[in-house]
C-alpha atoms as a PDB file:
ATOM      1  CA  MET A   1    -163.384  43.036  66.825  1.00  0.00           C
ATOM      2  CA  PRO A   2    -165.843  44.432  69.422  1.00  0.00           C
ATOM      3  CA  THR A   3    -168.712  42.263  70.484  1.00  0.00           C
ATOM      4  CA  VAL A   4    -172.196  43.605  71.100  1.00  0.00           C
ATOM      5  CA  LYS A   5    -174.020  42.229  74.084  1.00  0.00           C
ATOM      6  CA  ARG A   6    -177.563  41.090  73.412  1.00  0.00           C
ATOM      7  CA  ILE A   7    -180.209  41.166  76.104  1.00  0.00           C
ATOM      8  CA  GLY A   8    -182.863  38.654  75.058  1.00  0.00           C
ATOM      9  CA  PRO A   9    -183.873  39.595  71.518  1.00  0.00           C
ATOM     10  CA  TYR A  10    -182.629  43.168  72.022  1.00  0.00           C
ATOM     11  CA  GLN A  11    -179.245  44.691  71.277  1.00  0.00           C
ATOM     12  CA  GLU A  12    -177.539  46.552  74.104  1.00  0.00           C
ATOM     13  CA  ALA A  13    -178.092  50.331  73.887  1.00  0.00           C
ATOM     14  CA  ARG A  14    -174.917  52.183  72.877  1.00  0.00           C
ATOM     15  CA  ALA A  15    -174.337  55.905  72.449  1.00  0.00           C
ATOM     16  CA  GLN A  16    -172.540  57.508  69.553  1.00  0.00           C
ATOM     17  CA  ALA A  17    -173.256  61.157  70.385  1.00  0.00           C
ATOM     18  CA  VAL A  18    -174.117  63.095  73.539  1.00  0.00           C
ATOM     19  CA  ARG A  19    -175.352  66.646  73.925  1.00  0.00           C
ATOM     20  CA  VAL A  20    -176.381  68.485  77.071  1.00  0.00           C
ATOM     21  CA  THR A  21    -178.691  71.452  76.569  1.00  0.00           C
ATOM     22  CA  GLU A  22    -179.922  73.970  79.117  1.00  0.00           C
ATOM     23  CA  ASP A  23    -182.622  71.549  80.256  1.00  0.00           C
ATOM     24  CA  ALA A  24    -182.083  68.125  78.626  1.00  0.00           C
ATOM     25  CA  LEU A  25    -179.621  65.285  78.165  1.00  0.00           C
ATOM     26  CA  VAL A  26    -179.783  64.146  74.535  1.00  0.00           C
ATOM     27  CA  VAL A  27    -178.175  60.842  73.553  1.00  0.00           C
ATOM     28  CA  GLY A  28    -177.869  59.622  69.958  1.00  0.00           C
ATOM     29  CA  LEU A  29    -177.750  55.830  69.818  1.00  0.00           C
ATOM     30  CA  VAL A  30    -175.909  53.693  67.281  1.00  0.00           C
ATOM     31  CA  ASP A  31    -179.232  52.222  66.134  1.00  0.00           C
ATOM     32  CA  GLY A  32    -180.477  55.670  65.058  1.00  0.00           C
ATOM     33  CA  ARG A  33    -182.697  56.504  68.015  1.00  0.00           C
ATOM     34  CA  VAL A  34    -182.300  59.800  69.860  1.00  0.00           C
ATOM     35  CA  ILE A  35    -183.227  59.784  73.542  1.00  0.00           C
ATOM     36  CA  SER A  36    -183.901  63.035  75.391  1.00  0.00           C
ATOM     37  CA  VAL A  37    -184.468  63.160  79.140  1.00  0.00           C
ATOM     38  CA  PRO A  38    -184.881  66.072  81.572  1.00  0.00           C
ATOM     39  CA  LEU A  39    -181.574  67.341  82.889  1.00  0.00           C
ATOM     40  CA  VAL A  40    -183.006  67.716  86.403  1.00  0.00           C
ATOM     41  CA  TRP A  41    -182.985  63.896  86.581  1.00  0.00           C
ATOM     42  CA  TYR A  42    -179.193  64.128  86.941  1.00  0.00           C
ATOM     43  CA  PRO A  43    -178.301  66.815  89.523  1.00  0.00           C
ATOM     44  CA  ARG A  44    -174.548  66.834  88.858  1.00  0.00           C
ATOM     45  CA  LEU A  45    -175.208  67.610  85.204  1.00  0.00           C
ATOM     46  CA  TRP A  46    -177.868  70.161  86.197  1.00  0.00           C
ATOM     47  CA  TYR A  47    -175.400  72.006  88.427  1.00  0.00           C
ATOM     48  CA  GLY A  48    -172.460  71.630  86.044  1.00  0.00           C
ATOM     49  CA  THR A  49    -171.168  74.441  83.889  1.00  0.00           C
ATOM     50  CA  PRO A  50    -171.587  74.251  80.105  1.00  0.00           C
ATOM     51  CA  GLU A  51    -167.879  73.434  79.821  1.00  0.00           C
ATOM     52  CA  GLU A  52    -168.121  70.602  82.360  1.00  0.00           C
ATOM     53  CA  ARG A  53    -171.220  69.204  80.660  1.00  0.00           C
ATOM     54  CA  ALA A  54    -169.501  69.263  77.268  1.00  0.00           C
ATOM     55  CA  ASN A  55    -166.578  67.194  78.573  1.00  0.00           C
ATOM     56  CA  VAL A  56    -168.203  63.770  78.236  1.00  0.00           C
ATOM     57  CA  VAL A  57    -166.372  60.535  77.424  1.00  0.00           C
ATOM     58  CA  LEU A  58    -168.015  57.435  75.949  1.00  0.00           C
ATOM     59  CA  LEU A  59    -166.780  54.285  77.689  1.00  0.00           C
ATOM     60  CA  GLY A  60    -167.483  50.588  77.210  1.00  0.00           C
ATOM     61  CA  GLU A  61    -168.139  50.875  73.477  1.00  0.00           C
ATOM     62  CA  GLY A  62    -170.716  53.594  74.163  1.00  0.00           C
ATOM     63  CA  THR A  63    -172.555  51.873  77.019  1.00  0.00           C
ATOM     64  CA  ILE A  64    -171.366  54.323  79.701  1.00  0.00           C
ATOM     65  CA  LEU A  65    -171.286  58.124  79.659  1.00  0.00           C
ATOM     66  CA  HIS A  66    -168.584  59.629  81.873  1.00  0.00           C
ATOM     67  CA  TRP A  67    -168.180  63.285  82.873  1.00  0.00           C
ATOM     68  CA  PRO A  68    -164.749  63.454  84.543  1.00  0.00           C
ATOM     69  CA  ASP A  69    -165.156  67.067  85.686  1.00  0.00           C
ATOM     70  CA  LEU A  70    -168.433  66.245  87.454  1.00  0.00           C
ATOM     71  CA  ASP A  71    -167.535  62.758  88.746  1.00  0.00           C
ATOM     72  CA  GLU A  72    -170.684  61.460  87.016  1.00  0.00           C
ATOM     73  CA  ASP A  73    -171.218  58.159  85.231  1.00  0.00           C
ATOM     74  CA  LEU A  74    -174.490  57.128  83.583  1.00  0.00           C
ATOM     75  CA  SER A  75    -175.364  53.910  81.811  1.00  0.00           C
ATOM     76  CA  VAL A  76    -177.011  54.317  78.433  1.00  0.00           C
ATOM     77  CA  GLU A  77    -179.315  51.448  79.340  1.00  0.00           C
ATOM     78  CA  GLY A  78    -180.447  53.338  82.450  1.00  0.00           C
ATOM     79  CA  ILE A  79    -181.145  56.468  80.414  1.00  0.00           C
ATOM     80  CA  VAL A  80    -183.164  54.481  77.861  1.00  0.00           C
ATOM     81  CA  LEU A  81    -185.144  52.847  80.690  1.00  0.00           C
ATOM     82  CA  GLY A  82    -185.866  56.241  82.292  1.00  0.00           C
ATOM     83  CA  ARG A  83    -183.803  55.758  85.437  1.00  0.00           C
ATOM     84  CA  ARG A  84    -183.082  58.955  87.318  1.00  0.00           C
ATOM     85  CA  SER A  85    -180.021  59.631  89.434  1.00  0.00           C
ATOM     86  CA  GLY A  86    -179.852  57.481  92.525  1.00  0.00           C
ATOM     87  CA  GLU A  87    -177.604  59.921  94.369  1.00  0.00           C
ATOM     88  CA  SER A  88    -178.765  60.685  97.898  1.00  0.00           C
ATOM     89  CA  PRO A  89    -179.513  64.292  98.901  1.00  0.00           C
ATOM     90  CA  GLU A  90    -176.674  64.090 101.457  1.00  0.00           C
ATOM     91  CA  SER A  91    -174.155  62.974  98.816  1.00  0.00           C
ATOM     92  CA  LEU A  92    -175.273  65.756  96.470  1.00  0.00           C
ATOM     93  CA  ARG A  93    -175.001  68.316  99.280  1.00  0.00           C
ATOM     94  CA  ARG A  94    -171.411  67.241 100.034  1.00  0.00           C
ATOM     95  CA  TRP A  95    -170.530  67.368  96.335  1.00  0.00           C
ATOM     96  CA  LEU A  96    -172.004  70.864  95.975  1.00  0.00           C
ATOM     97  CA  GLU A  97    -170.120  72.042  99.064  1.00  0.00           C
ATOM     98  CA  SER A  98    -166.887  70.662  97.629  1.00  0.00           C
ATOM     99  CA  ARG A  99    -167.501  72.900  94.601  1.00  0.00           C
ATOM    100  CA  GLY A 100    -167.897  75.984  96.781  1.00  0.00           C
ATOM    101  CA  GLY A 101    -171.660  76.289  96.832  1.00  0.00           C
ATOM    102  CA  ASN A 102    -174.276  75.463  94.268  1.00  0.00           C
ATOM    103  CA  GLY A 103    -172.153  74.075  91.472  1.00  0.00           C
ATOM    104  CA  GLY A 104    -172.475  75.841  88.166  1.00  0.00           C
ATOM    105  CA  GLY A 105    -174.473  78.774  89.425  1.00  0.00           C
ATOM    106  CA  LYS A 106    -177.959  77.302  89.028  1.00  0.00           C
ATOM    107  CA  VAL A 107    -180.525  78.887  91.285  1.00  0.00           C
ATOM    108  CA  GLU A 108    -183.449  76.846  92.488  1.00  0.00           C
END
């Protein structure tokens, strides 16, 4: 039987559904909350194609969101707390170059 980690009096945030729109990452939590954050906070998702964004896997009983096609992992706790991507501009540049340019065709 899975155990749920408690942080002080609070239950650990866990996702049950994930949706990526044109401009937002929307995460449905097991406790009924829905969290929506700007997609620009996560550049790999921003530059990903709709197909790559849709290919998300819930890991760790819903505590981690993993996009295998984008090599992106986000903690649900971090999303709830409003943490943006910590990827350096240099790392993002190398990743974009490895994809042959600007990723999914976004123009800035």
